[in-house]
Amino acid sequence: MAQSAVLDVILAGERIRDYTDDRPFPSALFLGYVGGRPLHVVASCAESSRRAFIITAYEPSLDVFEPDYRTKRKP
């Protein structure tokens, strides 16, 4: 997965979930499409230094998510 794809998702994707209790900084889950394929990126931002940190990036699975790739399936 290219760094440019991850950056594109953060800049132009949809913020679908906030993790306000994450430490040391709150984080968020972003959804975007790269080459027609969904990509989830979890990132956090240090407000004081205005630095972003990529926590993880992955292609979401339909085993875990509904076809909208926003909603987790019920167990």
Protein backbone atom coordinates (compact mmCIF):
# COMPACT_ATOMS: atom_id res chain seq x y z
CA MET A 1 0.00 0.00 0.00
CA ALA A 2 1.45 3.33 -1.04
CA GLN A 3 1.94 6.20 1.37
CA SER A 4 0.20 8.45 -1.14
CA ALA A 5 -2.96 6.31 -0.90
CA VAL A 6 -3.00 6.66 2.90
CA LEU A 7 -2.50 10.42 2.65
CA ASP A 8 -5.29 10.70 0.05
CA VAL A 9 -7.71 8.92 2.40
CA ILE A 10 -6.86 11.25 5.28
CA LEU A 11 -7.15 14.38 3.16
CA ALA A 12 -10.13 13.49 0.97
CA GLY A 13 -11.81 10.51 2.63
CA GLU A 14 -14.73 10.43 5.01
CA ARG A 15 -14.22 10.53 8.77
CA ILE A 16 -16.49 7.70 9.91
CA ARG A 17 -15.61 7.20 13.58
CA ASP A 18 -13.95 9.18 16.37
CA TYR A 19 -11.98 7.58 19.17
CA THR A 20 -11.94 10.50 21.60
CA ASP A 21 -10.62 8.43 24.51
CA ASP A 22 -7.50 7.20 22.68
CA ARG A 23 -4.22 8.20 24.28
CA PRO A 24 -1.89 9.97 24.02
CA PHE A 25 -4.04 11.72 21.37
CA PRO A 26 -7.61 11.19 20.19
CA SER A 27 -7.81 9.36 16.87
CA ALA A 28 -10.26 8.85 14.03
CA LEU A 29 -11.13 6.23 11.42
CA PHE A 30 -11.23 7.44 7.81
CA LEU A 31 -12.73 5.67 4.80
CA GLY A 32 -11.63 6.33 1.26
CA TYR A 33 -11.38 4.51 -2.05
CA VAL A 34 -8.13 3.91 -3.89
CA GLY A 35 -8.40 2.39 -7.33
CA GLY A 36 -12.02 1.56 -6.54
CA ARG A 37 -11.07 -0.43 -3.44
CA PRO A 38 -11.99 0.66 0.10
CA LEU A 39 -9.24 1.69 2.49
CA HIS A 40 -9.52 2.39 6.22
CA VAL A 41 -6.95 4.62 7.90
CA VAL A 42 -6.76 5.29 11.63
CA ALA A 43 -4.83 8.44 12.48
CA SER A 44 -4.34 10.81 15.38
CA CYS A 45 -3.22 14.40 15.58
CA ALA A 46 -1.17 16.18 18.22
CA GLU A 47 -2.84 19.58 18.37
CA SER A 48 0.13 21.21 20.10
CA SER A 49 2.62 20.35 17.35
CA ARG A 50 0.07 19.93 14.52
CA ARG A 51 1.61 16.55 13.66
CA ALA A 52 -0.42 13.63 12.37
CA PHE A 53 0.34 10.03 13.25
CA ILE A 54 -0.81 7.10 11.16
CA ILE A 55 -1.78 4.26 13.45
CA THR A 56 -2.88 1.71 10.88
CA ALA A 57 -4.17 1.38 7.33
CA TYR A 58 -5.99 -1.65 5.97
CA GLU A 59 -8.49 -2.84 3.40
CA PRO A 60 -11.71 -3.54 5.34
CA SER A 61 -13.21 -7.00 5.01
CA LEU A 62 -16.85 -7.76 4.31
CA ASP A 63 -16.51 -10.42 7.01
CA VAL A 64 -16.23 -7.59 9.54
CA PHE A 65 -18.03 -4.65 7.85
CA GLU A 66 -21.33 -4.15 6.07
CA PRO A 67 -21.07 -3.40 2.32
CA ASP A 68 -20.98 0.35 3.10
CA TYR A 69 -17.60 -0.26 4.84
CA ARG A 70 -18.75 2.15 7.58
CA THR A 71 -20.80 -0.17 9.77
CA LYS A 72 -19.41 -3.15 11.67
CA ARG A 73 -21.38 -6.35 11.34
CA LYS A 74 -23.10 -7.68 14.43
CA PRO A 75 -21.39 -10.82 15.84
